[in-house]
Amino acid sequence: MRFLIDAHLPPMLAEIFRNHGQDAVHLFDVAPREADDRLIWKLGSECPTVIVTKDEDFAALAKLFETGPQVLWLRIGNCSKSYLRTWVEPRLPLALELLKKGERLVIVI
């Protein structure tokens, strides 16, 4: 699976996904910093991609459209990078499993 980490999340999150055997890039690696949600959705739709985000807008799009990228919605507030790492690591295997089964929207709490 290919993952696109949204701008509201740190680039180091892509490394965590790669450590779990996934292809992952941060938005800033593939688009301008000022990219809006429409451009991000388009990038995610061009090839099978999962958008990893804290943004509720992408969750709404995933519910609205039957096609387009899958969305992994991380329901976590602002936190340090180290806390984010310890929060994501144990939750990631189940999220990956649900995405592989074809879930369009996976909410991680």
PDB file of N, CA and C in Angstrom:
ATOM      1  N   MET A   1       0.829  -1.182   0.000  1.00  0.00           N
ATOM      2  CA  MET A   1       0.000   0.000   0.000  1.00  0.00           C
ATOM      3  C   MET A   1       0.872   1.244   0.000  1.00  0.00           C
ATOM      4  N   ARG A   2       0.341   2.289  -0.611  1.00  0.00           N
ATOM      5  CA  ARG A   2       1.041   3.572  -0.619  1.00  0.00           C
ATOM      6  C   ARG A   2       0.299   4.521   0.304  1.00  0.00           C
ATOM      7  N   PHE A   3       1.041   5.225   1.154  1.00  0.00           N
ATOM      8  CA  PHE A   3       0.470   6.163   2.101  1.00  0.00           C
ATOM      9  C   PHE A   3       0.981   7.562   1.822  1.00  0.00           C
ATOM     10  N   LEU A   4       0.060   8.530   1.897  1.00  0.00           N
ATOM     11  CA  LEU A   4       0.387   9.934   1.748  1.00  0.00           C
ATOM     12  C   LEU A   4       0.059  10.616   3.070  1.00  0.00           C
ATOM     13  N   ILE A   5       1.098  11.083   3.761  1.00  0.00           N
ATOM     14  CA  ILE A   5       0.935  11.710   5.068  1.00  0.00           C
ATOM     15  C   ILE A   5       0.569  13.178   4.852  1.00  0.00           C
ATOM     16  N   ASP A   6      -0.553  13.600   5.419  1.00  0.00           N
ATOM     17  CA  ASP A   6      -1.069  14.956   5.247  1.00  0.00           C
ATOM     18  C   ASP A   6      -0.171  15.989   5.942  1.00  0.00           C
ATOM     19  N   ALA A   7      -0.333  17.237   5.527  1.00  0.00           N
ATOM     20  CA  ALA A   7       0.506  18.342   6.006  1.00  0.00           C
ATOM     21  C   ALA A   7       0.402  18.584   7.508  1.00  0.00           C
ATOM     22  N   HIS A   8      -0.706  18.220   8.117  1.00  0.00           N
ATOM     23  CA  HIS A   8      -0.887  18.462   9.550  1.00  0.00           C
ATOM     24  C   HIS A   8      -0.151  17.447  10.424  1.00  0.00           C
ATOM     25  N   LEU A   9       0.486  16.507   9.796  1.00  0.00           N
ATOM     26  CA  LEU A   9       1.238  15.477  10.518  1.00  0.00           C
ATOM     27  C   LEU A   9       2.714  15.596  10.164  1.00  0.00           C
ATOM     28  N   PRO A  10       3.604  15.209  11.076  1.00  0.00           N
ATOM     29  CA  PRO A  10       5.036  15.375  10.818  1.00  0.00           C
ATOM     30  C   PRO A  10       5.576  14.365   9.800  1.00  0.00           C
ATOM     31  N   PRO A  11       6.586  14.774   9.045  1.00  0.00           N
ATOM     32  CA  PRO A  11       7.200  13.870   8.063  1.00  0.00           C
ATOM     33  C   PRO A  11       7.711  12.561   8.669  1.00  0.00           C
ATOM     34  N   MET A  12       8.088  12.564   9.947  1.00  0.00           N
ATOM     35  CA  MET A  12       8.611  11.337  10.555  1.00  0.00           C
ATOM     36  C   MET A  12       7.574  10.220  10.576  1.00  0.00           C
ATOM     37  N   LEU A  13       6.290  10.575  10.420  1.00  0.00           N
ATOM     38  CA  LEU A  13       5.258   9.546  10.399  1.00  0.00           C
ATOM     39  C   LEU A  13       5.425   8.628   9.186  1.00  0.00           C
ATOM     40  N   ALA A  14       5.908   9.179   8.080  1.00  0.00           N
ATOM     41  CA  ALA A  14       6.168   8.349   6.894  1.00  0.00           C
ATOM     42  C   ALA A  14       7.203   7.273   7.221  1.00  0.00           C
ATOM     43  N   GLU A  15       8.189   7.626   8.029  1.00  0.00           N
ATOM     44  CA  GLU A  15       9.210   6.652   8.435  1.00  0.00           C
ATOM     45  C   GLU A  15       8.591   5.503   9.232  1.00  0.00           C
ATOM     46  N   ILE A  16       7.652   5.816  10.101  1.00  0.00           N
ATOM     47  CA  ILE A  16       6.982   4.767  10.887  1.00  0.00           C
ATOM     48  C   ILE A  16       6.270   3.794   9.944  1.00  0.00           C
ATOM     49  N   PHE A  17       5.581   4.320   8.956  1.00  0.00           N
ATOM     50  CA  PHE A  17       4.894   3.451   7.994  1.00  0.00           C
ATOM     51  C   PHE A  17       5.893   2.614   7.201  1.00  0.00           C
ATOM     52  N   ARG A  18       6.993   3.227   6.790  1.00  0.00           N
ATOM     53  CA  ARG A  18       8.022   2.467   6.060  1.00  0.00           C
ATOM     54  C   ARG A  18       8.605   1.366   6.939  1.00  0.00           C
ATOM     55  N   ASN A  19       8.769   1.625   8.231  1.00  0.00           N
ATOM     56  CA  ASN A  19       9.275   0.603   9.152  1.00  0.00           C
ATOM     57  C   ASN A  19       8.314  -0.575   9.278  1.00  0.00           C
ATOM     58  N   HIS A  20       7.060  -0.347   8.910  1.00  0.00           N
ATOM     59  CA  HIS A  20       6.057  -1.416   8.915  1.00  0.00           C
ATOM     60  C   HIS A  20       5.866  -2.004   7.512  1.00  0.00           C
ATOM     61  N   GLY A  21       6.843  -1.747   6.634  1.00  0.00           N
ATOM     62  CA  GLY A  21       6.836  -2.351   5.312  1.00  0.00           C
ATOM     63  C   GLY A  21       5.953  -1.665   4.294  1.00  0.00           C
ATOM     64  N   GLN A  22       5.560  -0.439   4.553  1.00  0.00           N
ATOM     65  CA  GLN A  22       4.665   0.273   3.651  1.00  0.00           C
ATOM     66  C   GLN A  22       5.426   1.343   2.863  1.00  0.00           C
ATOM     67  N   ASP A  23       4.897   1.671   1.707  1.00  0.00           N
ATOM     68  CA  ASP A  23       5.411   2.768   0.892  1.00  0.00           C
ATOM     69  C   ASP A  23       4.741   4.033   1.417  1.00  0.00           C
ATOM     70  N   ALA A  24       5.499   4.976   1.923  1.00  0.00           N
ATOM     71  CA  ALA A  24       4.913   6.181   2.515  1.00  0.00           C
ATOM     72  C   ALA A  24       5.742   7.408   2.190  1.00  0.00           C
ATOM     73  N   VAL A  25       5.035   8.497   1.856  1.00  0.00           N
ATOM     74  CA  VAL A  25       5.666   9.787   1.619  1.00  0.00           C
ATOM     75  C   VAL A  25       4.863  10.851   2.343  1.00  0.00           C
ATOM     76  N   HIS A  26       5.534  11.931   2.669  1.00  0.00           N
ATOM     77  CA  HIS A  26       4.850  13.075   3.262  1.00  0.00           C
ATOM     78  C   HIS A  26       4.401  13.997   2.137  1.00  0.00           C
ATOM     79  N   LEU A  27       3.308  14.691   2.343  1.00  0.00           N
ATOM     80  CA  LEU A  27       2.780  15.603   1.334  1.00  0.00           C
ATOM     81  C   LEU A  27       3.837  16.577   0.846  1.00  0.00           C
ATOM     82  N   PHE A  28       4.658  17.092   1.754  1.00  0.00           N
ATOM     83  CA  PHE A  28       5.666  18.081   1.378  1.00  0.00           C
ATOM     84  C   PHE A  28       6.710  17.512   0.411  1.00  0.00           C
ATOM     85  N   ASP A  29       6.792  16.174   0.305  1.00  0.00           N
ATOM     86  CA  ASP A  29       7.721  15.549  -0.641  1.00  0.00           C
ATOM     87  C   ASP A  29       7.164  15.511  -2.062  1.00  0.00           C
ATOM     88  N   VAL A  30       5.844  15.680  -2.199  1.00  0.00           N
ATOM     89  CA  VAL A  30       5.236  15.502  -3.519  1.00  0.00           C
ATOM     90  C   VAL A  30       4.362  16.661  -3.974  1.00  0.00           C
ATOM     91  N   ALA A  31       4.159  17.657  -3.117  1.00  0.00           N
ATOM     92  CA  ALA A  31       3.284  18.779  -3.468  1.00  0.00           C
ATOM     93  C   ALA A  31       3.739  20.038  -2.742  1.00  0.00           C
ATOM     94  N   PRO A  32       3.293  21.181  -3.213  1.00  0.00           N
ATOM     95  CA  PRO A  32       3.636  22.432  -2.526  1.00  0.00           C
ATOM     96  C   PRO A  32       3.025  22.477  -1.125  1.00  0.00           C
ATOM     97  N   ARG A  33       3.665  23.180  -0.235  1.00  0.00           N
ATOM     98  CA  ARG A  33       3.169  23.294   1.140  1.00  0.00           C
ATOM     99  C   ARG A  33       1.762  23.871   1.223  1.00  0.00           C
ATOM    100  N   GLU A  34       1.393  24.695   0.252  1.00  0.00           N
ATOM    101  CA  GLU A  34       0.076  25.322   0.279  1.00  0.00           C
ATOM    102  C   GLU A  34      -0.988  24.499  -0.464  1.00  0.00           C
ATOM    103  N   ALA A  35      -0.700  23.245  -0.758  1.00  0.00           N
ATOM    104  CA  ALA A  35      -1.657  22.392  -1.472  1.00  0.00           C
ATOM    105  C   ALA A  35      -2.974  22.313  -0.702  1.00  0.00           C
ATOM    106  N   ASP A  36      -4.080  22.471  -1.426  1.00  0.00           N
ATOM    107  CA  ASP A  36      -5.377  22.391  -0.759  1.00  0.00           C
ATOM    108  C   ASP A  36      -5.904  20.955  -0.810  1.00  0.00           C
ATOM    109  N   ASP A  37      -7.033  20.745  -0.117  1.00  0.00           N
ATOM    110  CA  ASP A  37      -7.590  19.393  -0.007  1.00  0.00           C
ATOM    111  C   ASP A  37      -7.933  18.792  -1.368  1.00  0.00           C
ATOM    112  N   ARG A  38      -8.374  19.616  -2.315  1.00  0.00           N
ATOM    113  CA  ARG A  38      -8.717  19.082  -3.645  1.00  0.00           C
ATOM    114  C   ARG A  38      -7.499  18.491  -4.338  1.00  0.00           C
ATOM    115  N   LEU A  39      -6.363  19.191  -4.227  1.00  0.00           N
ATOM    116  CA  LEU A  39      -5.137  18.675  -4.843  1.00  0.00           C
ATOM    117  C   LEU A  39      -4.682  17.403  -4.140  1.00  0.00           C
ATOM    118  N   ILE A  40      -4.764  17.380  -2.827  1.00  0.00           N
ATOM    119  CA  ILE A  40      -4.357  16.190  -2.065  1.00  0.00           C
ATOM    120  C   ILE A  40      -5.249  15.005  -2.434  1.00  0.00           C
ATOM    121  N   TRP A  41      -6.562  15.229  -2.534  1.00  0.00           N
ATOM    122  CA  TRP A  41      -7.489  14.165  -2.918  1.00  0.00           C
ATOM    123  C   TRP A  41      -7.152  13.661  -4.318  1.00  0.00           C
ATOM    124  N   LYS A  42      -6.836  14.597  -5.227  1.00  0.00           N
ATOM    125  CA  LYS A  42      -6.467  14.212  -6.596  1.00  0.00           C
ATOM    126  C   LYS A  42      -5.189  13.375  -6.592  1.00  0.00           C
ATOM    127  N   LEU A  43      -4.186  13.800  -5.827  1.00  0.00           N
ATOM    128  CA  LEU A  43      -2.943  13.020  -5.738  1.00  0.00           C
ATOM    129  C   LEU A  43      -3.225  11.618  -5.218  1.00  0.00           C
ATOM    130  N   GLY A  44      -4.078  11.532  -4.219  1.00  0.00           N
ATOM    131  CA  GLY A  44      -4.426  10.232  -3.653  1.00  0.00           C
ATOM    132  C   GLY A  44      -5.221   9.356  -4.594  1.00  0.00           C
ATOM    133  N   SER A  45      -5.911   9.977  -5.542  1.00  0.00           N
ATOM    134  CA  SER A  45      -6.751   9.227  -6.479  1.00  0.00           C
ATOM    135  C   SER A  45      -5.986   8.735  -7.696  1.00  0.00           C
ATOM    136  N   GLU A  46      -4.823   9.312  -7.973  1.00  0.00           N
ATOM    137  CA  GLU A  46      -4.087   8.970  -9.190  1.00  0.00           C
ATOM    138  C   GLU A  46      -3.544   7.552  -9.175  1.00  0.00           C
ATOM    139  N   CYS A  47      -3.192   7.050  -8.052  1.00  0.00           N
ATOM    140  CA  CYS A  47      -2.812   5.650  -7.907  1.00  0.00           C
ATOM    141  C   CYS A  47      -3.340   5.207  -6.552  1.00  0.00           C
ATOM    142  N   PRO A  48      -3.524   3.930  -6.334  1.00  0.00           N
ATOM    143  CA  PRO A  48      -4.073   3.502  -5.044  1.00  0.00           C
ATOM    144  C   PRO A  48      -3.238   4.057  -3.880  1.00  0.00           C
ATOM    145  N   THR A  49      -3.846   4.953  -3.130  1.00  0.00           N
ATOM    146  CA  THR A  49      -3.159   5.646  -2.047  1.00  0.00           C
ATOM    147  C   THR A  49      -4.083   5.761  -0.849  1.00  0.00           C
ATOM    148  N   VAL A  50      -3.498   5.725   0.328  1.00  0.00           N
ATOM    149  CA  VAL A  50      -4.222   5.981   1.567  1.00  0.00           C
ATOM    150  C   VAL A  50      -3.749   7.335   2.081  1.00  0.00           C
ATOM    151  N   ILE A  51      -4.683   8.252   2.269  1.00  0.00           N
ATOM    152  CA  ILE A  51      -4.343   9.540   2.858  1.00  0.00           C
ATOM    153  C   ILE A  51      -4.391   9.387   4.375  1.00  0.00           C
ATOM    154  N   VAL A  52      -3.288   9.698   5.034  1.00  0.00           N
ATOM    155  CA  VAL A  52      -3.210   9.645   6.493  1.00  0.00           C
ATOM    156  C   VAL A  52      -3.351  11.075   6.985  1.00  0.00           C
ATOM    157  N   THR A  53      -4.352  11.326   7.817  1.00  0.00           N
ATOM    158  CA  THR A  53      -4.692  12.690   8.166  1.00  0.00           C
ATOM    159  C   THR A  53      -5.261  12.825   9.569  1.00  0.00           C
ATOM    160  N   LYS A  54      -5.238  14.044  10.072  1.00  0.00           N
ATOM    161  CA  LYS A  54      -5.980  14.417  11.274  1.00  0.00           C
ATOM    162  C   LYS A  54      -7.185  15.262  10.879  1.00  0.00           C
ATOM    163  N   ASP A  55      -7.357  15.493   9.591  1.00  0.00           N
ATOM    164  CA  ASP A  55      -8.346  16.405   9.027  1.00  0.00           C
ATOM    165  C   ASP A  55      -9.674  15.693   8.782  1.00  0.00           C
ATOM    166  N   GLU A  56     -10.712  16.155   9.420  1.00  0.00           N
ATOM    167  CA  GLU A  56     -12.036  15.557   9.267  1.00  0.00           C
ATOM    168  C   GLU A  56     -12.569  15.694   7.836  1.00  0.00           C
ATOM    169  N   ASP A  57     -12.070  16.684   7.093  1.00  0.00           N
ATOM    170  CA  ASP A  57     -12.540  16.897   5.722  1.00  0.00           C
ATOM    171  C   ASP A  57     -12.313  15.666   4.846  1.00  0.00           C
ATOM    172  N   PHE A  58     -11.178  15.009   5.002  1.00  0.00           N
ATOM    173  CA  PHE A  58     -10.902  13.824   4.189  1.00  0.00           C
ATOM    174  C   PHE A  58     -11.805  12.660   4.591  1.00  0.00           C
ATOM    175  N   ALA A  59     -12.120  12.561   5.863  1.00  0.00           N
ATOM    176  CA  ALA A  59     -13.055  11.522   6.302  1.00  0.00           C
ATOM    177  C   ALA A  59     -14.417  11.746   5.660  1.00  0.00           C
ATOM    178  N   ALA A  60     -14.850  12.996   5.601  1.00  0.00           N
ATOM    179  CA  ALA A  60     -16.135  13.320   4.976  1.00  0.00           C
ATOM    180  C   ALA A  60     -16.114  12.969   3.483  1.00  0.00           C
ATOM    181  N   LEU A  61     -15.011  13.254   2.811  1.00  0.00           N
ATOM    182  CA  LEU A  61     -14.900  12.917   1.386  1.00  0.00           C
ATOM    183  C   LEU A  61     -14.949  11.409   1.175  1.00  0.00           C
ATOM    184  N   ALA A  62     -14.280  10.666   2.050  1.00  0.00           N
ATOM    185  CA  ALA A  62     -14.277   9.202   1.921  1.00  0.00           C
ATOM    186  C   ALA A  62     -15.683   8.636   2.105  1.00  0.00           C
ATOM    187  N   LYS A  63     -16.484   9.268   2.966  1.00  0.00           N
ATOM    188  CA  LYS A  63     -17.861   8.825   3.166  1.00  0.00           C
ATOM    189  C   LYS A  63     -18.747   9.231   1.986  1.00  0.00           C
ATOM    190  N   LEU A  64     -18.439  10.351   1.374  1.00  0.00           N
ATOM    191  CA  LEU A  64     -19.257  10.916   0.310  1.00  0.00           C
ATOM    192  C   LEU A  64     -19.072  10.204  -1.030  1.00  0.00           C
ATOM    193  N   PHE A  65     -17.823   9.877  -1.364  1.00  0.00           N
ATOM    194  CA  PHE A  65     -17.513   9.292  -2.670  1.00  0.00           C
ATOM    195  C   PHE A  65     -17.212   7.805  -2.555  1.00  0.00           C
ATOM    196  N   GLU A  66     -17.706   7.042  -3.527  1.00  0.00           N
ATOM    197  CA  GLU A  66     -17.448   5.604  -3.554  1.00  0.00           C
ATOM    198  C   GLU A  66     -16.093   5.283  -4.153  1.00  0.00           C
ATOM    199  N   THR A  67     -15.488   6.244  -4.843  1.00  0.00           N
ATOM    200  CA  THR A  67     -14.169   6.053  -5.426  1.00  0.00           C
ATOM    201  C   THR A  67     -13.224   7.097  -4.850  1.00  0.00           C
ATOM    202  N   GLY A  68     -11.957   6.896  -5.096  1.00  0.00           N
ATOM    203  CA  GLY A  68     -10.944   7.809  -4.577  1.00  0.00           C
ATOM    204  C   GLY A  68     -10.087   7.094  -3.553  1.00  0.00           C
ATOM    205  N   PRO A  69      -9.210   7.834  -2.934  1.00  0.00           N
ATOM    206  CA  PRO A  69      -8.287   7.200  -1.997  1.00  0.00           C
ATOM    207  C   PRO A  69      -8.980   6.736  -0.722  1.00  0.00           C
ATOM    208  N   GLN A  70      -8.363   5.746  -0.103  1.00  0.00           N
ATOM    209  CA  GLN A  70      -8.788   5.370   1.239  1.00  0.00           C
ATOM    210  C   GLN A  70      -8.248   6.437   2.196  1.00  0.00           C
ATOM    211  N   VAL A  71      -8.856   6.523   3.371  1.00  0.00           N
ATOM    212  CA  VAL A  71      -8.447   7.518   4.349  1.00  0.00           C
ATOM    213  C   VAL A  71      -8.212   6.842   5.698  1.00  0.00           C
ATOM    214  N   LEU A  72      -7.065   7.136   6.273  1.00  0.00           N
ATOM    215  CA  LEU A  72      -6.746   6.709   7.630  1.00  0.00           C
ATOM    216  C   LEU A  72      -6.782   7.974   8.487  1.00  0.00           C
ATOM    217  N   TRP A  73      -7.835   8.090   9.286  1.00  0.00           N
ATOM    218  CA  TRP A  73      -8.090   9.301  10.067  1.00  0.00           C
ATOM    219  C   TRP A  73      -7.594   9.084  11.491  1.00  0.00           C
ATOM    220  N   LEU A  74      -6.529   9.780  11.829  1.00  0.00           N
ATOM    221  CA  LEU A  74      -5.943   9.685  13.166  1.00  0.00           C
ATOM    222  C   LEU A  74      -6.632  10.694  14.071  1.00  0.00           C
ATOM    223  N   ARG A  75      -7.389  10.203  15.019  1.00  0.00           N
ATOM    224  CA  ARG A  75      -8.151  11.057  15.928  1.00  0.00           C
ATOM    225  C   ARG A  75      -7.316  11.337  17.177  1.00  0.00           C
ATOM    226  N   ILE A  76      -6.328  12.170  16.987  1.00  0.00           N
ATOM    227  CA  ILE A  76      -5.427  12.544  18.070  1.00  0.00           C
ATOM    228  C   ILE A  76      -5.221  14.053  17.981  1.00  0.00           C
ATOM    229  N   GLY A  77      -5.174  14.693  19.111  1.00  0.00           N
ATOM    230  CA  GLY A  77      -4.961  16.138  19.124  1.00  0.00           C
ATOM    231  C   GLY A  77      -3.503  16.478  18.907  1.00  0.00           C
ATOM    232  N   ASN A  78      -3.188  17.736  19.079  1.00  0.00           N
ATOM    233  CA  ASN A  78      -1.798  18.163  18.962  1.00  0.00           C
ATOM    234  C   ASN A  78      -0.968  17.481  20.040  1.00  0.00           C
ATOM    235  N   CYS A  79       0.179  17.002  19.639  1.00  0.00           N
ATOM    236  CA  CYS A  79       1.042  16.288  20.581  1.00  0.00           C
ATOM    237  C   CYS A  79       2.470  16.311  20.049  1.00  0.00           C
ATOM    238  N   SER A  80       3.378  15.882  20.880  1.00  0.00           N
ATOM    239  CA  SER A  80       4.780  15.825  20.469  1.00  0.00           C
ATOM    240  C   SER A  80       4.983  14.673  19.482  1.00  0.00           C
ATOM    241  N   LYS A  81       6.071  14.745  18.754  1.00  0.00           N
ATOM    242  CA  LYS A  81       6.398  13.670  17.809  1.00  0.00           C
ATOM    243  C   LYS A  81       6.619  12.353  18.539  1.00  0.00           C
ATOM    244  N   SER A  82       7.260  12.407  19.696  1.00  0.00           N
ATOM    245  CA  SER A  82       7.508  11.157  20.426  1.00  0.00           C
ATOM    246  C   SER A  82       6.199  10.549  20.928  1.00  0.00           C
ATOM    247  N   TYR A  83       5.260  11.382  21.376  1.00  0.00           N
ATOM    248  CA  TYR A  83       3.962  10.848  21.810  1.00  0.00           C
ATOM    249  C   TYR A  83       3.216  10.269  20.607  1.00  0.00           C
ATOM    250  N   LEU A  84       3.245  10.962  19.484  1.00  0.00           N
ATOM    251  CA  LEU A  84       2.588  10.464  18.281  1.00  0.00           C
ATOM    252  C   LEU A  84       3.131   9.092  17.900  1.00  0.00           C
ATOM    253  N   ARG A  85       4.443   8.944  17.959  1.00  0.00           N
ATOM    254  CA  ARG A  85       5.073   7.655  17.637  1.00  0.00           C
ATOM    255  C   ARG A  85       4.560   6.549  18.564  1.00  0.00           C
ATOM    256  N   THR A  86       4.539   6.802  19.864  1.00  0.00           N
ATOM    257  CA  THR A  86       4.099   5.762  20.806  1.00  0.00           C
ATOM    258  C   THR A  86       2.602   5.506  20.706  1.00  0.00           C
ATOM    259  N   TRP A  87       1.842   6.487  20.228  1.00  0.00           N
ATOM    260  CA  TRP A  87       0.401   6.330  20.056  1.00  0.00           C
ATOM    261  C   TRP A  87       0.098   5.526  18.788  1.00  0.00           C
ATOM    262  N   VAL A  88       0.802   5.810  17.710  1.00  0.00           N
ATOM    263  CA  VAL A  88       0.533   5.167  16.410  1.00  0.00           C
ATOM    264  C   VAL A  88       1.012   3.720  16.377  1.00  0.00           C
ATOM    265  N   GLU A  89       2.214   3.470  16.872  1.00  0.00           N
ATOM    266  CA  GLU A  89       2.838   2.141  16.735  1.00  0.00           C
ATOM    267  C   GLU A  89       1.904   0.982  17.090  1.00  0.00           C
ATOM    268  N   PRO A  90       1.264   0.950  18.276  1.00  0.00           N
ATOM    269  CA  PRO A  90       0.424  -0.214  18.590  1.00  0.00           C
ATOM    270  C   PRO A  90      -0.892  -0.259  17.807  1.00  0.00           C
ATOM    271  N   ARG A  91      -1.323   0.858  17.267  1.00  0.00           N
ATOM    272  CA  ARG A  91      -2.594   0.923  16.542  1.00  0.00           C
ATOM    273  C   ARG A  91      -2.446   0.622  15.047  1.00  0.00           C
ATOM    274  N   LEU A  92      -1.255   0.733  14.539  1.00  0.00           N
ATOM    275  CA  LEU A  92      -1.025   0.613  13.104  1.00  0.00           C
ATOM    276  C   LEU A  92      -1.333  -0.772  12.531  1.00  0.00           C
ATOM    277  N   PRO A  93      -0.957  -1.869  13.167  1.00  0.00           N
ATOM    278  CA  PRO A  93      -1.248  -3.178  12.562  1.00  0.00           C
ATOM    279  C   PRO A  93      -2.731  -3.414  12.274  1.00  0.00           C
ATOM    280  N   LEU A  94      -3.610  -3.067  13.196  1.00  0.00           N
ATOM    281  CA  LEU A  94      -5.045  -3.253  12.958  1.00  0.00           C
ATOM    282  C   LEU A  94      -5.525  -2.326  11.849  1.00  0.00           C
ATOM    283  N   ALA A  95      -5.054  -1.091  11.838  1.00  0.00           N
ATOM    284  CA  ALA A  95      -5.437  -0.150  10.786  1.00  0.00           C
ATOM    285  C   ALA A  95      -5.014  -0.692   9.417  1.00  0.00           C
ATOM    286  N   LEU A  96      -3.793  -1.209   9.322  1.00  0.00           N
ATOM    287  CA  LEU A  96      -3.313  -1.775   8.059  1.00  0.00           C
ATOM    288  C   LEU A  96      -4.175  -2.955   7.618  1.00  0.00           C
ATOM    289  N   GLU A  97      -4.540  -3.786   8.556  1.00  0.00           N
ATOM    290  CA  GLU A  97      -5.382  -4.941   8.248  1.00  0.00           C
ATOM    291  C   GLU A  97      -6.732  -4.495   7.680  1.00  0.00           C
ATOM    292  N   LEU A  98      -7.356  -3.494   8.286  1.00  0.00           N
ATOM    293  CA  LEU A  98      -8.649  -3.003   7.815  1.00  0.00           C
ATOM    294  C   LEU A  98      -8.534  -2.368   6.430  1.00  0.00           C
ATOM    295  N   LEU A  99      -7.452  -1.638   6.200  1.00  0.00           N
ATOM    296  CA  LEU A  99      -7.240  -1.032   4.889  1.00  0.00           C
ATOM    297  C   LEU A  99      -7.027  -2.098   3.821  1.00  0.00           C
ATOM    298  N   LYS A 100      -6.273  -3.137   4.147  1.00  0.00           N
ATOM    299  CA  LYS A 100      -6.040  -4.226   3.193  1.00  0.00           C
ATOM    300  C   LYS A 100      -7.340  -4.950   2.848  1.00  0.00           C
ATOM    301  N   LYS A 101      -8.278  -4.962   3.780  1.00  0.00           N
ATOM    302  CA  LYS A 101      -9.583  -5.578   3.521  1.00  0.00           C
ATOM    303  C   LYS A 101     -10.480  -4.685   2.673  1.00  0.00           C
ATOM    304  N   GLY A 102     -10.023  -3.456   2.407  1.00  0.00           N
ATOM    305  CA  GLY A 102     -10.778  -2.578   1.526  1.00  0.00           C
ATOM    306  C   GLY A 102     -11.609  -1.504   2.198  1.00  0.00           C
ATOM    307  N   GLU A 103     -11.480  -1.339   3.501  1.00  0.00           N
ATOM    308  CA  GLU A 103     -12.227  -0.273   4.175  1.00  0.00           C
ATOM    309  C   GLU A 103     -11.846   1.071   3.573  1.00  0.00           C
ATOM    310  N   ARG A 104     -12.826   1.880   3.236  1.00  0.00           N
ATOM    311  CA  ARG A 104     -12.561   3.198   2.641  1.00  0.00           C
ATOM    312  C   ARG A 104     -12.112   4.211   3.675  1.00  0.00           C
ATOM    313  N   LEU A 105     -12.651   4.095   4.889  1.00  0.00           N
ATOM    314  CA  LEU A 105     -12.310   5.016   5.962  1.00  0.00           C
ATOM    315  C   LEU A 105     -12.007   4.209   7.212  1.00  0.00           C
ATOM    316  N   VAL A 106     -10.799   4.379   7.717  1.00  0.00           N
ATOM    317  CA  VAL A 106     -10.407   3.729   8.973  1.00  0.00           C
ATOM    318  C   VAL A 106     -10.135   4.836   9.976  1.00  0.00           C
ATOM    319  N   ILE A 107     -10.856   4.798  11.079  1.00  0.00           N
ATOM    320  CA  ILE A 107     -10.704   5.807  12.119  1.00  0.00           C
ATOM    321  C   ILE A 107      -9.912   5.203  13.267  1.00  0.00           C
ATOM    322  N   VAL A 108      -8.795   5.847  13.600  1.00  0.00           N
ATOM    323  CA  VAL A 108      -7.951   5.361  14.675  1.00  0.00           C
ATOM    324  C   VAL A 108      -8.118   6.300  15.868  1.00  0.00           C
ATOM    325  N   ILE A 109      -8.575   5.721  16.986  1.00  0.00           N
ATOM    326  CA  ILE A 109      -8.777   6.512  18.202  1.00  0.00           C
ATOM    327  C   ILE A 109      -7.892   6.020  19.326  1.00  0.00           C
TER     328      ILE A 109
END
